[in-house]
Amino acid sequence: MNETLPNPYYHQLDAIADAYTPLLLILALACVARLWWQQRWALACVWRTVASVLWVAFVSYGGMALDKTLNIWPKWQMDYSTHTAVAGGLTILITALLFTARHINLVKGVKSKWEVIAALAVAATSACYFALMVYQQYHSFADIFTTFVVTGTLQYWGLTTFLPPLSRSAHKRAAL
């Protein structure tokens, strides 16, 4: 069978799409390590941040299991996008970590424009990744949008619950 591909660069774009989520995970872990190193977080704050990463995975893959069990997305002629759930959750996490760093740096009086630029860059590249998934015909816009709204809301709630407090005095209280 000689299948025609949607575009001549399909395989190259496919490789880029495959690499994006692992790169986001590496970036998220680098943000955690950076904050831990720079701010000398208490061990309790580190564990809460690790719990945040696990929460992203739980919501993303739990949503997939729930969809497979209850056929939620297929009832609407859509498809749950695990890639969207993971990438969206990691984007929210990275942005939250960068703005955590921004807040702490502002307390210290250090300029923090690079954290803002980095957060915007991560959000922009995630939007490009979602557009690439539509272009490559992995998912429809509706698949990506509905998955992101549902899982992103749960992930945001969890991240605001689990992420360490922003001030040094709150860090000391969290360590107690």
C-alpha atoms as a PDB file:
ATOM      1  CA  MET A   1       0.000   0.000   0.000  1.00  0.00           C
ATOM      2  CA  ASN A   2       1.327   3.383  -0.970  1.00  0.00           C
ATOM      3  CA  GLU A   3      -0.155   5.846   1.485  1.00  0.00           C
ATOM      4  CA  THR A   4       0.238   9.517   0.717  1.00  0.00           C
ATOM      5  CA  LEU A   5       1.225  11.662   3.653  1.00  0.00           C
ATOM      6  CA  PRO A   6      -0.599  14.935   4.369  1.00  0.00           C
ATOM      7  CA  ASN A   7       2.572  16.955   3.728  1.00  0.00           C
ATOM      8  CA  PRO A   8       6.137  16.284   2.568  1.00  0.00           C
ATOM      9  CA  TYR A   9       7.605  17.226   5.980  1.00  0.00           C
ATOM     10  CA  TYR A  10       5.304  14.964   7.964  1.00  0.00           C
ATOM     11  CA  HIS A  11       8.085  12.832   9.495  1.00  0.00           C
ATOM     12  CA  GLN A  12      10.239  15.812  10.483  1.00  0.00           C
ATOM     13  CA  LEU A  13       7.274  17.556  12.092  1.00  0.00           C
ATOM     14  CA  ASP A  14       6.324  14.274  13.755  1.00  0.00           C
ATOM     15  CA  ALA A  15       9.796  14.069  15.328  1.00  0.00           C
ATOM     16  CA  ILE A  16       9.451  17.647  16.603  1.00  0.00           C
ATOM     17  CA  ALA A  17       6.039  16.866  18.087  1.00  0.00           C
ATOM     18  CA  ASP A  18       7.389  13.705  19.743  1.00  0.00           C
ATOM     19  CA  ALA A  19      10.242  15.639  21.346  1.00  0.00           C
ATOM     20  CA  TYR A  20       8.169  18.525  22.717  1.00  0.00           C
ATOM     21  CA  THR A  21       6.602  16.952  25.814  1.00  0.00           C
ATOM     22  CA  PRO A  22       9.850  15.370  27.087  1.00  0.00           C
ATOM     23  CA  LEU A  23      11.551  18.747  26.633  1.00  0.00           C
ATOM     24  CA  LEU A  24       8.790  20.388  28.683  1.00  0.00           C
ATOM     25  CA  LEU A  25       9.320  17.815  31.441  1.00  0.00           C
ATOM     26  CA  ILE A  26      13.065  18.504  31.458  1.00  0.00           C
ATOM     27  CA  LEU A  27      12.357  22.247  31.600  1.00  0.00           C
ATOM     28  CA  ALA A  28       9.907  21.770  34.494  1.00  0.00           C
ATOM     29  CA  LEU A  29      12.459  19.749  36.445  1.00  0.00           C
ATOM     30  CA  ALA A  30      15.133  22.357  35.677  1.00  0.00           C
ATOM     31  CA  CYS A  31      12.817  25.082  37.045  1.00  0.00           C
ATOM     32  CA  VAL A  32      12.315  23.047  40.220  1.00  0.00           C
ATOM     33  CA  ALA A  33      16.064  22.507  40.600  1.00  0.00           C
ATOM     34  CA  ARG A  34      16.769  26.188  39.949  1.00  0.00           C
ATOM     35  CA  LEU A  35      14.290  27.372  42.535  1.00  0.00           C
ATOM     36  CA  TRP A  36      15.517  24.838  45.050  1.00  0.00           C
ATOM     37  CA  TRP A  37      19.125  25.885  44.508  1.00  0.00           C
ATOM     38  CA  GLN A  38      18.552  29.648  44.413  1.00  0.00           C
ATOM     39  CA  GLN A  39      16.001  29.925  47.166  1.00  0.00           C
ATOM     40  CA  ARG A  40      17.226  27.138  49.470  1.00  0.00           C
ATOM     41  CA  TRP A  41      13.743  25.772  49.771  1.00  0.00           C
ATOM     42  CA  ALA A  42      12.849  23.689  52.758  1.00  0.00           C
ATOM     43  CA  LEU A  43      12.497  19.978  52.053  1.00  0.00           C
ATOM     44  CA  ALA A  44       8.727  20.251  52.497  1.00  0.00           C
ATOM     45  CA  CYS A  45       8.577  22.755  49.624  1.00  0.00           C
ATOM     46  CA  VAL A  46      10.570  20.426  47.378  1.00  0.00           C
ATOM     47  CA  TRP A  47       8.179  17.558  48.075  1.00  0.00           C
ATOM     48  CA  ARG A  48       5.197  19.807  47.378  1.00  0.00           C
ATOM     49  CA  THR A  49       6.730  20.743  44.044  1.00  0.00           C
ATOM     50  CA  VAL A  50       7.335  17.075  43.199  1.00  0.00           C
ATOM     51  CA  ALA A  51       3.687  16.460  44.144  1.00  0.00           C
ATOM     52  CA  SER A  52       2.763  19.142  41.599  1.00  0.00           C
ATOM     53  CA  VAL A  53       4.547  17.245  38.816  1.00  0.00           C
ATOM     54  CA  LEU A  54       2.818  14.022  39.888  1.00  0.00           C
ATOM     55  CA  TRP A  55      -0.524  15.859  39.935  1.00  0.00           C
ATOM     56  CA  VAL A  56      -0.039  16.851  36.289  1.00  0.00           C
ATOM     57  CA  ALA A  57       0.580  13.193  35.397  1.00  0.00           C
ATOM     58  CA  PHE A  58      -2.354  11.981  37.509  1.00  0.00           C
ATOM     59  CA  VAL A  59      -4.847  14.393  35.925  1.00  0.00           C
ATOM     60  CA  SER A  60      -3.537  13.758  32.397  1.00  0.00           C
ATOM     61  CA  TYR A  61      -3.485   9.968  32.512  1.00  0.00           C
ATOM     62  CA  GLY A  62      -6.454   9.737  34.878  1.00  0.00           C
ATOM     63  CA  GLY A  63      -8.445  11.738  32.346  1.00  0.00           C
ATOM     64  CA  MET A  64      -7.381   9.305  29.640  1.00  0.00           C
ATOM     65  CA  ALA A  65      -8.461   6.298  31.749  1.00  0.00           C
ATOM     66  CA  LEU A  66     -11.757   7.962  32.617  1.00  0.00           C
ATOM     67  CA  ASP A  67     -12.394   8.745  28.950  1.00  0.00           C
ATOM     68  CA  LYS A  68     -11.625   5.170  27.908  1.00  0.00           C
ATOM     69  CA  THR A  69     -13.949   3.834  30.608  1.00  0.00           C
ATOM     70  CA  LEU A  70     -16.869   6.220  30.123  1.00  0.00           C
ATOM     71  CA  ASN A  71     -16.378   7.206  26.452  1.00  0.00           C
ATOM     72  CA  ILE A  72     -16.839  10.880  27.309  1.00  0.00           C
ATOM     73  CA  TRP A  73     -15.120  12.442  24.282  1.00  0.00           C
ATOM     74  CA  PRO A  74     -16.401   9.878  21.731  1.00  0.00           C
ATOM     75  CA  LYS A  75     -19.980  10.690  22.761  1.00  0.00           C
ATOM     76  CA  TRP A  76     -19.331  14.132  21.271  1.00  0.00           C
ATOM     77  CA  GLN A  77     -17.431  12.750  18.217  1.00  0.00           C
ATOM     78  CA  MET A  78     -14.151  13.952  19.717  1.00  0.00           C
ATOM     79  CA  ASP A  79     -10.967  12.394  21.045  1.00  0.00           C
ATOM     80  CA  TYR A  80      -9.311  12.980  24.427  1.00  0.00           C
ATOM     81  CA  SER A  81      -5.794  14.303  23.799  1.00  0.00           C
ATOM     82  CA  THR A  82      -3.353  12.959  26.366  1.00  0.00           C
ATOM     83  CA  HIS A  83      -0.569  14.955  24.696  1.00  0.00           C
ATOM     84  CA  THR A  84      -2.571  18.139  25.220  1.00  0.00           C
ATOM     85  CA  ALA A  85      -3.271  17.272  28.852  1.00  0.00           C
ATOM     86  CA  VAL A  86       0.395  16.586  29.642  1.00  0.00           C
ATOM     87  CA  ALA A  87       1.816  19.514  27.643  1.00  0.00           C
ATOM     88  CA  GLY A  88      -0.824  21.897  28.979  1.00  0.00           C
ATOM     89  CA  GLY A  89      -0.245  20.800  32.563  1.00  0.00           C
ATOM     90  CA  LEU A  90       3.522  21.120  32.249  1.00  0.00           C
ATOM     91  CA  THR A  91       3.093  24.557  30.674  1.00  0.00           C
ATOM     92  CA  ILE A  92       0.924  25.667  33.599  1.00  0.00           C
ATOM     93  CA  LEU A  93       3.461  24.201  36.049  1.00  0.00           C
ATOM     94  CA  ILE A  94       6.477  25.837  34.388  1.00  0.00           C
ATOM     95  CA  THR A  95       4.692  29.179  34.214  1.00  0.00           C
ATOM     96  CA  ALA A  96       3.728  28.913  37.887  1.00  0.00           C
ATOM     97  CA  LEU A  97       7.306  28.029  38.840  1.00  0.00           C
ATOM     98  CA  LEU A  98       8.707  30.908  36.811  1.00  0.00           C
ATOM     99  CA  PHE A  99       6.286  33.352  38.380  1.00  0.00           C
ATOM    100  CA  THR A 100       7.139  31.916  41.791  1.00  0.00           C
ATOM    101  CA  ALA A 101      10.754  32.774  41.002  1.00  0.00           C
ATOM    102  CA  ARG A 102       9.653  36.185  39.752  1.00  0.00           C
ATOM    103  CA  HIS A 103       7.840  36.932  43.001  1.00  0.00           C
ATOM    104  CA  ILE A 104      10.763  35.830  45.138  1.00  0.00           C
ATOM    105  CA  ASN A 105      13.207  37.835  43.018  1.00  0.00           C
ATOM    106  CA  LEU A 106      11.031  40.930  43.300  1.00  0.00           C
ATOM    107  CA  VAL A 107      11.085  40.514  47.069  1.00  0.00           C
ATOM    108  CA  LYS A 108      14.881  40.473  46.877  1.00  0.00           C
ATOM    109  CA  GLY A 109      14.850  43.429  44.474  1.00  0.00           C
ATOM    110  CA  VAL A 110      16.339  41.551  41.520  1.00  0.00           C
ATOM    111  CA  LYS A 111      14.941  42.308  38.066  1.00  0.00           C
ATOM    112  CA  SER A 112      12.912  39.400  36.810  1.00  0.00           C
ATOM    113  CA  LYS A 113      12.119  40.156  33.167  1.00  0.00           C
ATOM    114  CA  TRP A 114      13.744  36.880  32.059  1.00  0.00           C
ATOM    115  CA  GLU A 115      11.270  34.788  34.050  1.00  0.00           C
ATOM    116  CA  VAL A 116       8.383  36.644  32.393  1.00  0.00           C
ATOM    117  CA  ILE A 117       9.938  36.234  28.952  1.00  0.00           C
ATOM    118  CA  ALA A 118      10.553  32.526  29.622  1.00  0.00           C
ATOM    119  CA  ALA A 119       6.972  31.983  30.802  1.00  0.00           C
ATOM    120  CA  LEU A 120       5.605  33.699  27.701  1.00  0.00           C
ATOM    121  CA  ALA A 121       7.954  31.659  25.483  1.00  0.00           C
ATOM    122  CA  VAL A 122       6.781  28.397  27.052  1.00  0.00           C
ATOM    123  CA  ALA A 123       3.132  29.407  26.579  1.00  0.00           C
ATOM    124  CA  ALA A 124       3.799  30.428  22.955  1.00  0.00           C
ATOM    125  CA  THR A 125       5.651  27.216  22.111  1.00  0.00           C
ATOM    126  CA  SER A 126       2.816  25.196  23.656  1.00  0.00           C
ATOM    127  CA  ALA A 127       0.322  27.052  21.473  1.00  0.00           C
ATOM    128  CA  CYS A 128       2.524  26.208  18.471  1.00  0.00           C
ATOM    129  CA  TYR A 129       2.627  22.571  19.597  1.00  0.00           C
ATOM    130  CA  PHE A 130      -1.176  22.475  19.763  1.00  0.00           C
ATOM    131  CA  ALA A 131      -1.344  24.018  16.278  1.00  0.00           C
ATOM    132  CA  LEU A 132       1.170  21.428  15.051  1.00  0.00           C
ATOM    133  CA  MET A 133      -1.041  18.616  16.379  1.00  0.00           C
ATOM    134  CA  VAL A 134      -3.956  20.021  14.364  1.00  0.00           C
ATOM    135  CA  TYR A 135      -1.754  20.493  11.273  1.00  0.00           C
ATOM    136  CA  GLN A 136      -0.417  16.929  11.539  1.00  0.00           C
ATOM    137  CA  GLN A 137      -4.026  15.752  11.957  1.00  0.00           C
ATOM    138  CA  TYR A 138      -3.360  14.078  15.320  1.00  0.00           C
ATOM    139  CA  HIS A 139      -6.346  15.855  16.852  1.00  0.00           C
ATOM    140  CA  SER A 140      -8.939  18.449  15.950  1.00  0.00           C
ATOM    141  CA  PHE A 141      -9.043  21.907  17.472  1.00  0.00           C
ATOM    142  CA  ALA A 142     -12.113  20.792  19.460  1.00  0.00           C
ATOM    143  CA  ASP A 143     -10.215  17.786  20.879  1.00  0.00           C
ATOM    144  CA  ILE A 144      -7.358  19.993  22.039  1.00  0.00           C
ATOM    145  CA  PHE A 145      -9.536  22.818  23.340  1.00  0.00           C
ATOM    146  CA  THR A 146     -11.892  20.617  25.369  1.00  0.00           C
ATOM    147  CA  THR A 147      -9.070  18.514  26.780  1.00  0.00           C
ATOM    148  CA  PHE A 148      -7.117  21.607  27.790  1.00  0.00           C
ATOM    149  CA  VAL A 149     -10.113  23.314  29.402  1.00  0.00           C
ATOM    150  CA  VAL A 150     -11.072  20.254  31.472  1.00  0.00           C
ATOM    151  CA  THR A 151      -7.611  19.046  32.472  1.00  0.00           C
ATOM    152  CA  GLY A 152      -6.094  22.531  32.648  1.00  0.00           C
ATOM    153  CA  THR A 153      -8.723  23.605  35.175  1.00  0.00           C
ATOM    154  CA  LEU A 154      -8.033  20.576  37.383  1.00  0.00           C
ATOM    155  CA  GLN A 155      -4.279  20.955  36.993  1.00  0.00           C
ATOM    156  CA  TYR A 156      -4.391  24.648  37.849  1.00  0.00           C
ATOM    157  CA  TRP A 157      -6.435  23.909  40.969  1.00  0.00           C
ATOM    158  CA  GLY A 158      -3.997  21.192  42.025  1.00  0.00           C
ATOM    159  CA  LEU A 159      -0.948  23.325  41.337  1.00  0.00           C
ATOM    160  CA  THR A 160      -2.307  26.207  43.378  1.00  0.00           C
ATOM    161  CA  THR A 161      -2.899  23.697  46.163  1.00  0.00           C
ATOM    162  CA  PHE A 162       0.448  21.864  46.016  1.00  0.00           C
ATOM    163  CA  LEU A 163       2.991  24.470  44.954  1.00  0.00           C
ATOM    164  CA  PRO A 164       5.136  25.884  47.736  1.00  0.00           C
ATOM    165  CA  PRO A 165       4.258  29.253  49.199  1.00  0.00           C
ATOM    166  CA  LEU A 166       5.930  32.252  47.622  1.00  0.00           C
ATOM    167  CA  SER A 167       7.508  34.104  50.529  1.00  0.00           C
ATOM    168  CA  ARG A 168      10.495  33.109  52.649  1.00  0.00           C
ATOM    169  CA  SER A 169       8.471  33.372  55.867  1.00  0.00           C
ATOM    170  CA  ALA A 170       5.875  31.049  54.348  1.00  0.00           C
ATOM    171  CA  HIS A 171       8.684  28.643  53.394  1.00  0.00           C
ATOM    172  CA  LYS A 172       9.739  28.519  57.043  1.00  0.00           C
ATOM    173  CA  ARG A 173       6.149  27.868  58.124  1.00  0.00           C
ATOM    174  CA  ALA A 174       5.804  25.096  55.493  1.00  0.00           C
ATOM    175  CA  ALA A 175       8.936  23.415  56.809  1.00  0.00           C
ATOM    176  CA  LEU A 176       7.462  23.193  60.337  1.00  0.00           C
END
